[in-house]
Amino acid sequence: MNCRNVASRVPYTAGLLLLSARSLPAHTGGAVAPNELLTAWSWDWFVVLPLLVGATLFARGVARLWHTVGAGRGVSRSQACCYASGIGVLAIALISPLDALGGSLFSAHMTQHQLLMVAAPPLLLLGAPSVGVLWGLPSGARRAVGLRLARAGRSRVLKVLTQPFIAWSLHALAIWAWHAPVLYERTLWSEATHAAQHLSFTGSALLFWWTVLCPRRGNEGIAVLSLIGTAVHSSILAALLTFSARPWYLAYGGRTRAWGLSLLEDQQLGGLIMWVPSGLVYTGVALWLFVAWLGAIERRTAQDHSRVVLTVT
């Protein structure tokens, strides 16, 4: 994949994801009844506005860029589709009734978390967001914003955080810590705790997926191992949730009944949602990267062999 200018993608994508997540209301309103679900959309402007601005600037920038240099150049069609899909995933996770349903069902909350950690970050990173958005800005602001993004992408802190082991560890810690009952149940009652949960999920996922999708030269194998390691440890947590003999999150008591589920059944469903779809994504991307890594090794070997033959002759 093309990872040029990836350093400037991360600060922008981080801003979009974290700003969208920072003011999420906690599920303090209690259970949502089935007959209320279709009207339970969230129109919090701290969520809606960043998504609208990000989508509008990107669409305008891609249109302007393709008109200037030709369709598919600068930002490919596949990158544009990835970015649009990433915005769509964020809208489903943060604006649709799924967010409100997370206050009634652990399984719905788990679905939201998987969208924020497993789907949205890689799609946005693959979508070359900074290129499209920069072209969507007025020409006078484009250079200044581009320089700031490039400077942020070269910062010492970001270089440390995007070391593969550190990024992997931070993401694993966020996943396990927030599923501890004492912390998880607090998100149902505290807006600040709920926002902190989503910030840590999306922020750590962004760092993790950056090290996976655009590894530094020589770290391709580590990227594959990072994906496999995440698939393994998240599957262990999912299995614990799925096969537990008792419910972990008693705060959902009385909320799941309207949806025809017991507390334990809802937890088991949530565990399966973490286990199966996410595990398939991690494993599929790991296989894809492994094949690409082998192909790159074969090409480098062939090039080295050609140089040796030319030198000898």
C-alpha atoms as a PDB file:
ATOM      1  CA  MET A   1       0.000   0.000   0.000  1.00  0.00           C
ATOM      2  CA  ASN A   2       1.072   3.589  -0.454  1.00  0.00           C
ATOM      3  CA  CYS A   3       2.257   5.003   2.859  1.00  0.00           C
ATOM      4  CA  ARG A   4       3.711   8.256   1.614  1.00  0.00           C
ATOM      5  CA  ASN A   5       2.945  11.230   3.824  1.00  0.00           C
ATOM      6  CA  VAL A   6       1.448   8.881   6.375  1.00  0.00           C
ATOM      7  CA  ALA A   7       2.902  10.970   9.199  1.00  0.00           C
ATOM      8  CA  SER A   8       0.565  13.805   8.288  1.00  0.00           C
ATOM      9  CA  ARG A   9      -2.436  11.477   8.209  1.00  0.00           C
ATOM     10  CA  VAL A  10      -2.212  10.550  11.850  1.00  0.00           C
ATOM     11  CA  PRO A  11      -2.653  13.971  13.497  1.00  0.00           C
ATOM     12  CA  TYR A  12      -5.652  14.750  11.285  1.00  0.00           C
ATOM     13  CA  THR A  13      -7.264  11.342  11.742  1.00  0.00           C
ATOM     14  CA  ALA A  14      -6.609  11.502  15.473  1.00  0.00           C
ATOM     15  CA  GLY A  15      -8.288  14.884  15.650  1.00  0.00           C
ATOM     16  CA  LEU A  16     -11.356  13.675  13.781  1.00  0.00           C
ATOM     17  CA  LEU A  17     -11.735  10.486  15.810  1.00  0.00           C
ATOM     18  CA  LEU A  18     -10.999  12.007  19.197  1.00  0.00           C
ATOM     19  CA  LEU A  19     -13.038  15.169  18.689  1.00  0.00           C
ATOM     20  CA  SER A  20     -15.958  13.035  17.565  1.00  0.00           C
ATOM     21  CA  ALA A  21     -15.649  10.864  20.657  1.00  0.00           C
ATOM     22  CA  ARG A  22     -14.724  13.409  23.310  1.00  0.00           C
ATOM     23  CA  SER A  23     -18.206  14.647  24.201  1.00  0.00           C
ATOM     24  CA  LEU A  24     -20.203  11.461  23.870  1.00  0.00           C
ATOM     25  CA  PRO A  25     -23.004  11.488  26.430  1.00  0.00           C
ATOM     26  CA  ALA A  26     -22.944   8.684  28.944  1.00  0.00           C
ATOM     27  CA  HIS A  27     -25.835   6.248  28.918  1.00  0.00           C
ATOM     28  CA  THR A  28     -27.300   7.904  32.006  1.00  0.00           C
ATOM     29  CA  GLY A  29     -30.805   8.043  30.593  1.00  0.00           C
ATOM     30  CA  GLY A  30     -31.468   4.410  31.371  1.00  0.00           C
ATOM     31  CA  ALA A  31     -32.922   1.822  29.056  1.00  0.00           C
ATOM     32  CA  VAL A  32     -34.223   2.576  25.585  1.00  0.00           C
ATOM     33  CA  ALA A  33     -37.480   0.790  24.804  1.00  0.00           C
ATOM     34  CA  PRO A  34     -37.819  -1.020  21.461  1.00  0.00           C
ATOM     35  CA  ASN A  35     -40.558   1.374  20.330  1.00  0.00           C
ATOM     36  CA  GLU A  36     -38.222   4.335  20.987  1.00  0.00           C
ATOM     37  CA  LEU A  37     -35.224   3.012  19.081  1.00  0.00           C
ATOM     38  CA  LEU A  38     -35.925   4.495  15.631  1.00  0.00           C
ATOM     39  CA  THR A  39     -36.111   8.007  17.085  1.00  0.00           C
ATOM     40  CA  ALA A  40     -33.082   7.621  19.369  1.00  0.00           C
ATOM     41  CA  TRP A  41     -30.622   9.425  17.101  1.00  0.00           C
ATOM     42  CA  SER A  42     -27.873  11.470  18.727  1.00  0.00           C
ATOM     43  CA  TRP A  43     -27.434  14.958  17.272  1.00  0.00           C
ATOM     44  CA  ASP A  44     -24.729  16.214  19.626  1.00  0.00           C
ATOM     45  CA  TRP A  45     -22.942  18.921  17.645  1.00  0.00           C
ATOM     46  CA  PHE A  46     -19.602  18.011  19.206  1.00  0.00           C
ATOM     47  CA  VAL A  47     -19.978  14.760  17.267  1.00  0.00           C
ATOM     48  CA  VAL A  48     -21.945  15.818  14.188  1.00  0.00           C
ATOM     49  CA  LEU A  49     -19.943  18.952  13.343  1.00  0.00           C
ATOM     50  CA  PRO A  50     -16.479  17.301  13.078  1.00  0.00           C
ATOM     51  CA  LEU A  51     -17.918  14.565  10.874  1.00  0.00           C
ATOM     52  CA  LEU A  52     -19.686  17.068   8.627  1.00  0.00           C
ATOM     53  CA  VAL A  53     -16.625  19.301   8.325  1.00  0.00           C
ATOM     54  CA  GLY A  54     -14.315  16.351   7.688  1.00  0.00           C
ATOM     55  CA  ALA A  55     -16.605  14.870   5.031  1.00  0.00           C
ATOM     56  CA  THR A  56     -17.274  18.196   3.301  1.00  0.00           C
ATOM     57  CA  LEU A  57     -13.635  19.296   3.155  1.00  0.00           C
ATOM     58  CA  PHE A  58     -12.524  15.889   1.904  1.00  0.00           C
ATOM     59  CA  ALA A  59     -15.197  15.728  -0.815  1.00  0.00           C
ATOM     60  CA  ARG A  60     -14.411  19.290  -1.931  1.00  0.00           C
ATOM     61  CA  GLY A  61     -10.671  18.609  -1.866  1.00  0.00           C
ATOM     62  CA  VAL A  62     -10.888  15.394  -3.876  1.00  0.00           C
ATOM     63  CA  ALA A  63     -13.117  17.064  -6.471  1.00  0.00           C
ATOM     64  CA  ARG A  64     -10.670  19.984  -6.778  1.00  0.00           C
ATOM     65  CA  LEU A  65      -7.626  17.694  -6.879  1.00  0.00           C
ATOM     66  CA  TRP A  66      -9.087  15.411  -9.540  1.00  0.00           C
ATOM     67  CA  HIS A  67     -10.164  18.404 -11.613  1.00  0.00           C
ATOM     68  CA  THR A  68      -6.586  19.731 -11.448  1.00  0.00           C
ATOM     69  CA  VAL A  69      -4.432  16.623 -11.942  1.00  0.00           C
ATOM     70  CA  GLY A  70      -6.910  14.030 -13.203  1.00  0.00           C
ATOM     71  CA  ALA A  71      -9.358  11.599 -11.632  1.00  0.00           C
ATOM     72  CA  GLY A  72      -7.771   9.033  -9.362  1.00  0.00           C
ATOM     73  CA  ARG A  73      -4.535  10.962  -8.885  1.00  0.00           C
ATOM     74  CA  GLY A  74      -3.341  12.331  -5.557  1.00  0.00           C
ATOM     75  CA  VAL A  75      -6.172  10.465  -3.870  1.00  0.00           C
ATOM     76  CA  SER A  76      -7.125   7.218  -5.580  1.00  0.00           C
ATOM     77  CA  ARG A  77     -10.712   6.097  -5.955  1.00  0.00           C
ATOM     78  CA  SER A  78     -10.112   3.291  -3.475  1.00  0.00           C
ATOM     79  CA  GLN A  79      -8.723   5.775  -0.940  1.00  0.00           C
ATOM     80  CA  ALA A  80     -11.748   8.018  -1.394  1.00  0.00           C
ATOM     81  CA  CYS A  81     -14.027   5.015  -0.815  1.00  0.00           C
ATOM     82  CA  CYS A  82     -12.081   4.073   2.330  1.00  0.00           C
ATOM     83  CA  TYR A  83     -12.414   7.572   3.742  1.00  0.00           C
ATOM     84  CA  ALA A  84     -16.127   7.776   2.959  1.00  0.00           C
ATOM     85  CA  SER A  85     -16.631   4.364   4.538  1.00  0.00           C
ATOM     86  CA  GLY A  86     -14.727   5.451   7.639  1.00  0.00           C
ATOM     87  CA  ILE A  87     -16.936   8.530   8.032  1.00  0.00           C
ATOM     88  CA  GLY A  88     -19.994   6.315   7.557  1.00  0.00           C
ATOM     89  CA  VAL A  89     -18.798   3.899  10.241  1.00  0.00           C
ATOM     90  CA  LEU A  90     -18.265   6.773  12.679  1.00  0.00           C
ATOM     91  CA  ALA A  91     -21.761   8.071  11.952  1.00  0.00           C
ATOM     92  CA  ILE A  92     -23.260   4.642  12.629  1.00  0.00           C
ATOM     93  CA  ALA A  93     -21.299   4.272  15.865  1.00  0.00           C
ATOM     94  CA  LEU A  94     -21.829   7.764  17.258  1.00  0.00           C
ATOM     95  CA  ILE A  95     -25.020   9.217  15.751  1.00  0.00           C
ATOM     96  CA  SER A  96     -27.311   6.301  14.918  1.00  0.00           C
ATOM     97  CA  PRO A  97     -29.607   4.656  17.526  1.00  0.00           C
ATOM     98  CA  LEU A  98     -26.784   2.186  18.177  1.00  0.00           C
ATOM     99  CA  ASP A  99     -25.302   4.707  20.630  1.00  0.00           C
ATOM    100  CA  ALA A 100     -28.530   4.953  22.643  1.00  0.00           C
ATOM    101  CA  LEU A 101     -29.040   1.185  22.500  1.00  0.00           C
ATOM    102  CA  GLY A 102     -25.665   0.796  24.206  1.00  0.00           C
ATOM    103  CA  GLY A 103     -27.338   2.056  27.370  1.00  0.00           C
ATOM    104  CA  SER A 104     -29.737  -0.888  27.306  1.00  0.00           C
ATOM    105  CA  LEU A 105     -27.610  -3.726  25.947  1.00  0.00           C
ATOM    106  CA  PHE A 106     -23.990  -4.622  26.584  1.00  0.00           C
ATOM    107  CA  SER A 107     -23.944  -6.302  23.177  1.00  0.00           C
ATOM    108  CA  ALA A 108     -24.899  -3.026  21.451  1.00  0.00           C
ATOM    109  CA  HIS A 109     -22.218  -1.159  23.378  1.00  0.00           C
ATOM    110  CA  MET A 110     -19.722  -3.823  22.336  1.00  0.00           C
ATOM    111  CA  THR A 111     -20.756  -3.389  18.693  1.00  0.00           C
ATOM    112  CA  GLN A 112     -20.147   0.341  18.986  1.00  0.00           C
ATOM    113  CA  HIS A 113     -16.706  -0.247  20.454  1.00  0.00           C
ATOM    114  CA  GLN A 114     -15.708  -2.628  17.675  1.00  0.00           C
ATOM    115  CA  LEU A 115     -16.730  -0.040  15.072  1.00  0.00           C
ATOM    116  CA  LEU A 116     -14.611   2.591  16.827  1.00  0.00           C
ATOM    117  CA  MET A 117     -11.572   0.328  17.247  1.00  0.00           C
ATOM    118  CA  VAL A 118     -11.590  -2.198  14.421  1.00  0.00           C
ATOM    119  CA  ALA A 119     -13.393  -0.495  11.526  1.00  0.00           C
ATOM    120  CA  ALA A 120     -13.135   3.306  11.563  1.00  0.00           C
ATOM    121  CA  PRO A 121      -9.393   3.866  12.269  1.00  0.00           C
ATOM    122  CA  PRO A 122      -7.974   1.643   9.486  1.00  0.00           C
ATOM    123  CA  LEU A 123     -10.499   2.922   6.941  1.00  0.00           C
ATOM    124  CA  LEU A 124      -9.685   6.555   7.692  1.00  0.00           C
ATOM    125  CA  LEU A 125      -5.935   5.958   7.685  1.00  0.00           C
ATOM    126  CA  LEU A 126      -6.142   4.176   4.324  1.00  0.00           C
ATOM    127  CA  GLY A 127      -8.199   7.051   2.943  1.00  0.00           C
ATOM    128  CA  ALA A 128      -5.338   9.595   2.795  1.00  0.00           C
ATOM    129  CA  PRO A 129      -7.421  12.073   4.832  1.00  0.00           C
ATOM    130  CA  SER A 130      -4.880  14.860   5.093  1.00  0.00           C
ATOM    131  CA  VAL A 131      -4.409  15.097   1.301  1.00  0.00           C
ATOM    132  CA  GLY A 132      -8.101  15.402   0.546  1.00  0.00           C
ATOM    133  CA  VAL A 133      -8.825  17.766   3.419  1.00  0.00           C
ATOM    134  CA  LEU A 134      -5.865  20.038   2.628  1.00  0.00           C
ATOM    135  CA  TRP A 135      -7.086  20.430  -0.953  1.00  0.00           C
ATOM    136  CA  GLY A 136     -10.506  21.254   0.445  1.00  0.00           C
ATOM    137  CA  LEU A 137      -9.127  24.244   2.349  1.00  0.00           C
ATOM    138  CA  PRO A 138      -8.722  27.712   0.842  1.00  0.00           C
ATOM    139  CA  SER A 139      -5.356  28.040  -0.872  1.00  0.00           C
ATOM    140  CA  GLY A 140      -4.112  30.542   1.702  1.00  0.00           C
ATOM    141  CA  ALA A 141      -4.674  28.170   4.597  1.00  0.00           C
ATOM    142  CA  ARG A 142      -3.533  25.014   2.818  1.00  0.00           C
ATOM    143  CA  ARG A 143       0.209  25.563   3.229  1.00  0.00           C
ATOM    144  CA  ALA A 144       0.004  26.673   6.860  1.00  0.00           C
ATOM    145  CA  VAL A 145      -2.172  23.728   7.900  1.00  0.00           C
ATOM    146  CA  GLY A 146      -0.036  21.307   5.887  1.00  0.00           C
ATOM    147  CA  LEU A 147       3.137  22.487   7.637  1.00  0.00           C
ATOM    148  CA  ARG A 148       1.483  22.121  11.035  1.00  0.00           C
ATOM    149  CA  LEU A 149       0.315  18.591  10.215  1.00  0.00           C
ATOM    150  CA  ALA A 150       3.770  17.626   8.954  1.00  0.00           C
ATOM    151  CA  ARG A 151       5.387  19.076  12.085  1.00  0.00           C
ATOM    152  CA  ALA A 152       2.960  17.186  14.314  1.00  0.00           C
ATOM    153  CA  GLY A 153       3.658  13.988  12.406  1.00  0.00           C
ATOM    154  CA  ARG A 154       7.393  14.345  13.083  1.00  0.00           C
ATOM    155  CA  SER A 155       7.017  15.071  16.788  1.00  0.00           C
ATOM    156  CA  ARG A 156       9.140  13.106  19.236  1.00  0.00           C
ATOM    157  CA  VAL A 157       6.118  12.070  21.282  1.00  0.00           C
ATOM    158  CA  LEU A 158       4.386  10.572  18.238  1.00  0.00           C
ATOM    159  CA  LYS A 159       7.542   8.689  17.279  1.00  0.00           C
ATOM    160  CA  VAL A 160       7.631   7.095  20.720  1.00  0.00           C
ATOM    161  CA  LEU A 161       3.916   6.281  20.790  1.00  0.00           C
ATOM    162  CA  THR A 162       4.091   4.645  17.368  1.00  0.00           C
ATOM    163  CA  GLN A 163       6.812   2.204  18.326  1.00  0.00           C
ATOM    164  CA  PRO A 164       5.084  -1.134  17.556  1.00  0.00           C
ATOM    165  CA  PHE A 165       5.361  -2.608  21.048  1.00  0.00           C
ATOM    166  CA  ILE A 166       4.243   0.597  22.770  1.00  0.00           C
ATOM    167  CA  ALA A 167       1.258   1.084  20.444  1.00  0.00           C
ATOM    168  CA  TRP A 168       0.267  -2.566  20.817  1.00  0.00           C
ATOM    169  CA  SER A 169       0.585  -2.443  24.598  1.00  0.00           C
ATOM    170  CA  LEU A 170      -1.426   0.759  24.957  1.00  0.00           C
ATOM    171  CA  HIS A 171      -4.233  -0.684  22.846  1.00  0.00           C
ATOM    172  CA  ALA A 172      -4.247  -3.978  24.749  1.00  0.00           C
ATOM    173  CA  LEU A 173      -4.264  -2.131  28.079  1.00  0.00           C
ATOM    174  CA  ALA A 174      -7.222   0.017  26.992  1.00  0.00           C
ATOM    175  CA  ILE A 175      -9.227  -3.039  25.903  1.00  0.00           C
ATOM    176  CA  TRP A 176      -8.641  -5.041  29.084  1.00  0.00           C
ATOM    177  CA  ALA A 177      -8.820  -2.196  31.596  1.00  0.00           C
ATOM    178  CA  TRP A 178     -12.132  -0.796  30.379  1.00  0.00           C
ATOM    179  CA  HIS A 179     -13.802  -4.213  30.504  1.00  0.00           C
ATOM    180  CA  ALA A 180     -13.108  -4.514  34.220  1.00  0.00           C
ATOM    181  CA  PRO A 181     -16.600  -4.295  35.781  1.00  0.00           C
ATOM    182  CA  VAL A 182     -15.717  -1.441  38.145  1.00  0.00           C
ATOM    183  CA  LEU A 183     -14.589   0.786  35.263  1.00  0.00           C
ATOM    184  CA  TYR A 184     -17.070  -0.370  32.656  1.00  0.00           C
ATOM    185  CA  GLU A 185     -20.127   0.123  34.843  1.00  0.00           C
ATOM    186  CA  ARG A 186     -19.014   3.643  35.704  1.00  0.00           C
ATOM    187  CA  THR A 187     -19.281   4.582  32.013  1.00  0.00           C
ATOM    188  CA  LEU A 188     -23.031   3.975  32.239  1.00  0.00           C
ATOM    189  CA  TRP A 189     -23.413   6.722  34.840  1.00  0.00           C
ATOM    190  CA  SER A 190     -20.590   9.206  34.265  1.00  0.00           C
ATOM    191  CA  GLU A 191     -20.252  11.304  31.113  1.00  0.00           C
ATOM    192  CA  ALA A 192     -16.582  12.025  31.832  1.00  0.00           C
ATOM    193  CA  THR A 193     -15.747   8.347  32.304  1.00  0.00           C
ATOM    194  CA  HIS A 194     -17.663   7.365  29.173  1.00  0.00           C
ATOM    195  CA  ALA A 195     -15.825   9.999  27.122  1.00  0.00           C
ATOM    196  CA  ALA A 196     -12.490   8.828  28.560  1.00  0.00           C
ATOM    197  CA  GLN A 197     -13.308   5.256  27.562  1.00  0.00           C
ATOM    198  CA  HIS A 198     -14.052   6.198  23.974  1.00  0.00           C
ATOM    199  CA  LEU A 199     -11.017   8.482  23.770  1.00  0.00           C
ATOM    200  CA  SER A 200      -8.684   5.722  24.938  1.00  0.00           C
ATOM    201  CA  PHE A 201     -10.299   3.151  22.628  1.00  0.00           C
ATOM    202  CA  THR A 202     -10.089   5.316  19.510  1.00  0.00           C
ATOM    203  CA  GLY A 203      -6.733   6.889  20.311  1.00  0.00           C
ATOM    204  CA  SER A 204      -4.949   3.620  21.071  1.00  0.00           C
ATOM    205  CA  ALA A 205      -6.621   1.934  18.081  1.00  0.00           C
ATOM    206  CA  LEU A 206      -5.377   4.685  15.792  1.00  0.00           C
ATOM    207  CA  LEU A 207      -1.779   4.229  16.996  1.00  0.00           C
ATOM    208  CA  PHE A 208      -2.082   0.453  16.714  1.00  0.00           C
ATOM    209  CA  TRP A 209      -3.481   0.493  13.170  1.00  0.00           C
ATOM    210  CA  TRP A 210      -0.876   2.990  12.015  1.00  0.00           C
ATOM    211  CA  THR A 211       1.960   0.687  13.066  1.00  0.00           C
ATOM    212  CA  VAL A 212       0.166  -2.213  11.360  1.00  0.00           C
ATOM    213  CA  LEU A 213      -0.845  -0.635   8.046  1.00  0.00           C
ATOM    214  CA  CYS A 214       2.289   1.442   7.474  1.00  0.00           C
ATOM    215  CA  PRO A 215       5.114  -0.266   9.367  1.00  0.00           C
ATOM    216  CA  ARG A 216       8.614   1.147   9.256  1.00  0.00           C
ATOM    217  CA  ARG A 217      10.987  -0.710   6.920  1.00  0.00           C
ATOM    218  CA  GLY A 218      12.009  -3.978   8.535  1.00  0.00           C
ATOM    219  CA  ASN A 219       8.964  -4.050  10.833  1.00  0.00           C
ATOM    220  CA  GLU A 220       6.615  -5.815   8.418  1.00  0.00           C
ATOM    221  CA  GLY A 221       6.862  -9.065  10.343  1.00  0.00           C
ATOM    222  CA  ILE A 222       6.224  -7.233  13.615  1.00  0.00           C
ATOM    223  CA  ALA A 223       3.042  -5.764  12.110  1.00  0.00           C
ATOM    224  CA  VAL A 224       1.775  -9.269  11.344  1.00  0.00           C
ATOM    225  CA  LEU A 225       2.650 -10.430  14.857  1.00  0.00           C
ATOM    226  CA  SER A 226       0.891  -7.385  16.343  1.00  0.00           C
ATOM    227  CA  LEU A 227      -2.320  -8.313  14.574  1.00  0.00           C
ATOM    228  CA  ILE A 228      -2.073 -11.950  15.608  1.00  0.00           C
ATOM    229  CA  GLY A 229      -1.287 -10.942  19.195  1.00  0.00           C
ATOM    230  CA  THR A 230      -4.293  -8.616  19.312  1.00  0.00           C
ATOM    231  CA  ALA A 231      -6.533 -11.314  17.850  1.00  0.00           C
ATOM    232  CA  VAL A 232      -5.333 -13.746  20.536  1.00  0.00           C
ATOM    233  CA  HIS A 233      -5.655 -11.530  23.606  1.00  0.00           C
ATOM    234  CA  SER A 234      -8.991 -10.026  22.530  1.00  0.00           C
ATOM    235  CA  SER A 235     -10.292 -13.552  21.837  1.00  0.00           C
ATOM    236  CA  ILE A 236      -9.307 -14.582  25.369  1.00  0.00           C
ATOM    237  CA  LEU A 237     -11.295 -11.664  26.802  1.00  0.00           C
ATOM    238  CA  ALA A 238     -14.206 -12.452  24.492  1.00  0.00           C
ATOM    239  CA  ALA A 239     -14.149 -16.102  25.552  1.00  0.00           C
ATOM    240  CA  LEU A 240     -14.202 -15.106  29.219  1.00  0.00           C
ATOM    241  CA  LEU A 241     -17.264 -12.961  28.560  1.00  0.00           C
ATOM    242  CA  THR A 242     -18.977 -15.602  26.447  1.00  0.00           C
ATOM    243  CA  PHE A 243     -18.444 -18.617  28.695  1.00  0.00           C
ATOM    244  CA  SER A 244     -18.786 -16.913  32.055  1.00  0.00           C
ATOM    245  CA  ALA A 245     -21.334 -18.580  34.319  1.00  0.00           C
ATOM    246  CA  ARG A 246     -22.466 -15.236  35.737  1.00  0.00           C
ATOM    247  CA  PRO A 247     -22.937 -11.718  34.360  1.00  0.00           C
ATOM    248  CA  TRP A 248     -20.125  -9.240  34.920  1.00  0.00           C
ATOM    249  CA  TYR A 249     -22.060  -6.007  34.476  1.00  0.00           C
ATOM    250  CA  LEU A 250     -24.942  -5.880  36.907  1.00  0.00           C
ATOM    251  CA  ALA A 251     -25.655  -2.236  36.047  1.00  0.00           C
ATOM    252  CA  TYR A 252     -27.546  -3.503  32.991  1.00  0.00           C
ATOM    253  CA  GLY A 253     -29.991  -5.248  35.341  1.00  0.00           C
ATOM    254  CA  GLY A 254     -33.554  -4.449  34.319  1.00  0.00           C
ATOM    255  CA  ARG A 255     -32.461  -2.913  31.013  1.00  0.00           C
ATOM    256  CA  THR A 256     -32.092  -6.039  28.905  1.00  0.00           C
ATOM    257  CA  ARG A 257     -35.481  -7.563  29.690  1.00  0.00           C
ATOM    258  CA  ALA A 258     -37.383  -5.368  27.225  1.00  0.00           C
ATOM    259  CA  TRP A 259     -35.170  -6.785  24.457  1.00  0.00           C
ATOM    260  CA  GLY A 260     -35.882 -10.398  25.341  1.00  0.00           C
ATOM    261  CA  LEU A 261     -32.452 -11.098  26.805  1.00  0.00           C
ATOM    262  CA  SER A 262     -31.204 -11.935  30.251  1.00  0.00           C
ATOM    263  CA  LEU A 263     -28.097 -10.237  31.622  1.00  0.00           C
ATOM    264  CA  LEU A 264     -25.993 -13.310  30.923  1.00  0.00           C
ATOM    265  CA  GLU A 265     -27.375 -13.824  27.404  1.00  0.00           C
ATOM    266  CA  ASP A 266     -26.664 -10.192  26.545  1.00  0.00           C
ATOM    267  CA  GLN A 267     -23.103 -10.547  27.848  1.00  0.00           C
ATOM    268  CA  GLN A 268     -22.574 -13.757  25.880  1.00  0.00           C
ATOM    269  CA  LEU A 269     -23.805 -12.075  22.708  1.00  0.00           C
ATOM    270  CA  GLY A 270     -21.433  -9.173  23.343  1.00  0.00           C
ATOM    271  CA  GLY A 271     -18.557 -11.604  23.816  1.00  0.00           C
ATOM    272  CA  LEU A 272     -19.335 -13.268  20.498  1.00  0.00           C
ATOM    273  CA  ILE A 273     -19.436  -9.865  18.773  1.00  0.00           C
ATOM    274  CA  MET A 274     -15.964  -9.115  20.109  1.00  0.00           C
ATOM    275  CA  TRP A 275     -14.738 -12.596  19.269  1.00  0.00           C
ATOM    276  CA  VAL A 276     -15.965 -13.479  15.784  1.00  0.00           C
ATOM    277  CA  PRO A 277     -16.214 -10.348  13.569  1.00  0.00           C
ATOM    278  CA  SER A 278     -13.164  -8.643  15.089  1.00  0.00           C
ATOM    279  CA  GLY A 279     -11.153 -11.854  15.039  1.00  0.00           C
ATOM    280  CA  LEU A 280     -11.929 -12.282  11.355  1.00  0.00           C
ATOM    281  CA  VAL A 281     -10.759  -8.728  10.637  1.00  0.00           C
ATOM    282  CA  TYR A 282      -7.493  -9.125  12.554  1.00  0.00           C
ATOM    283  CA  THR A 283      -6.764 -12.516  10.990  1.00  0.00           C
ATOM    284  CA  GLY A 284      -7.723 -11.423   7.481  1.00  0.00           C
ATOM    285  CA  VAL A 285      -5.551  -8.298   7.591  1.00  0.00           C
ATOM    286  CA  ALA A 286      -2.678 -10.324   9.070  1.00  0.00           C
ATOM    287  CA  LEU A 287      -2.855 -12.812   6.176  1.00  0.00           C
ATOM    288  CA  TRP A 288      -3.060  -9.975   3.642  1.00  0.00           C
ATOM    289  CA  LEU A 289       0.005  -8.252   5.136  1.00  0.00           C
ATOM    290  CA  PHE A 290       1.884 -11.544   5.348  1.00  0.00           C
ATOM    291  CA  VAL A 291       1.342 -12.220   1.645  1.00  0.00           C
ATOM    292  CA  ALA A 292       2.340  -8.638   0.793  1.00  0.00           C
ATOM    293  CA  TRP A 293       5.446  -8.995   2.974  1.00  0.00           C
ATOM    294  CA  LEU A 294       6.482 -12.208   1.200  1.00  0.00           C
ATOM    295  CA  GLY A 295       5.938 -10.523  -2.152  1.00  0.00           C
ATOM    296  CA  ALA A 296       8.133  -7.592  -1.125  1.00  0.00           C
ATOM    297  CA  ILE A 297      10.883  -9.981   0.000  1.00  0.00           C
ATOM    298  CA  GLU A 298      10.747 -11.823  -3.332  1.00  0.00           C
ATOM    299  CA  ARG A 299      10.975  -8.564  -5.265  1.00  0.00           C
ATOM    300  CA  ARG A 300      13.945  -7.344  -3.217  1.00  0.00           C
ATOM    301  CA  THR A 301      15.656 -10.719  -3.641  1.00  0.00           C
ATOM    302  CA  ALA A 302      15.111 -10.601  -7.406  1.00  0.00           C
ATOM    303  CA  GLN A 303      16.470  -7.050  -7.569  1.00  0.00           C
ATOM    304  CA  ASP A 304      19.548  -8.006  -5.540  1.00  0.00           C
ATOM    305  CA  HIS A 305      20.117 -11.016  -7.801  1.00  0.00           C
ATOM    306  CA  SER A 306      19.862  -8.800 -10.884  1.00  0.00           C
ATOM    307  CA  ARG A 307      22.425  -6.392  -9.458  1.00  0.00           C
ATOM    308  CA  VAL A 308      24.806  -9.281  -8.726  1.00  0.00           C
ATOM    309  CA  VAL A 309      24.433 -10.626 -12.287  1.00  0.00           C
ATOM    310  CA  LEU A 310      25.037  -7.197 -13.796  1.00  0.00           C
ATOM    311  CA  THR A 311      28.080  -6.674 -11.598  1.00  0.00           C
ATOM    312  CA  VAL A 312      29.567 -10.026 -12.565  1.00  0.00           C
ATOM    313  CA  THR A 313      28.951  -9.526 -16.274  1.00  0.00           C
END
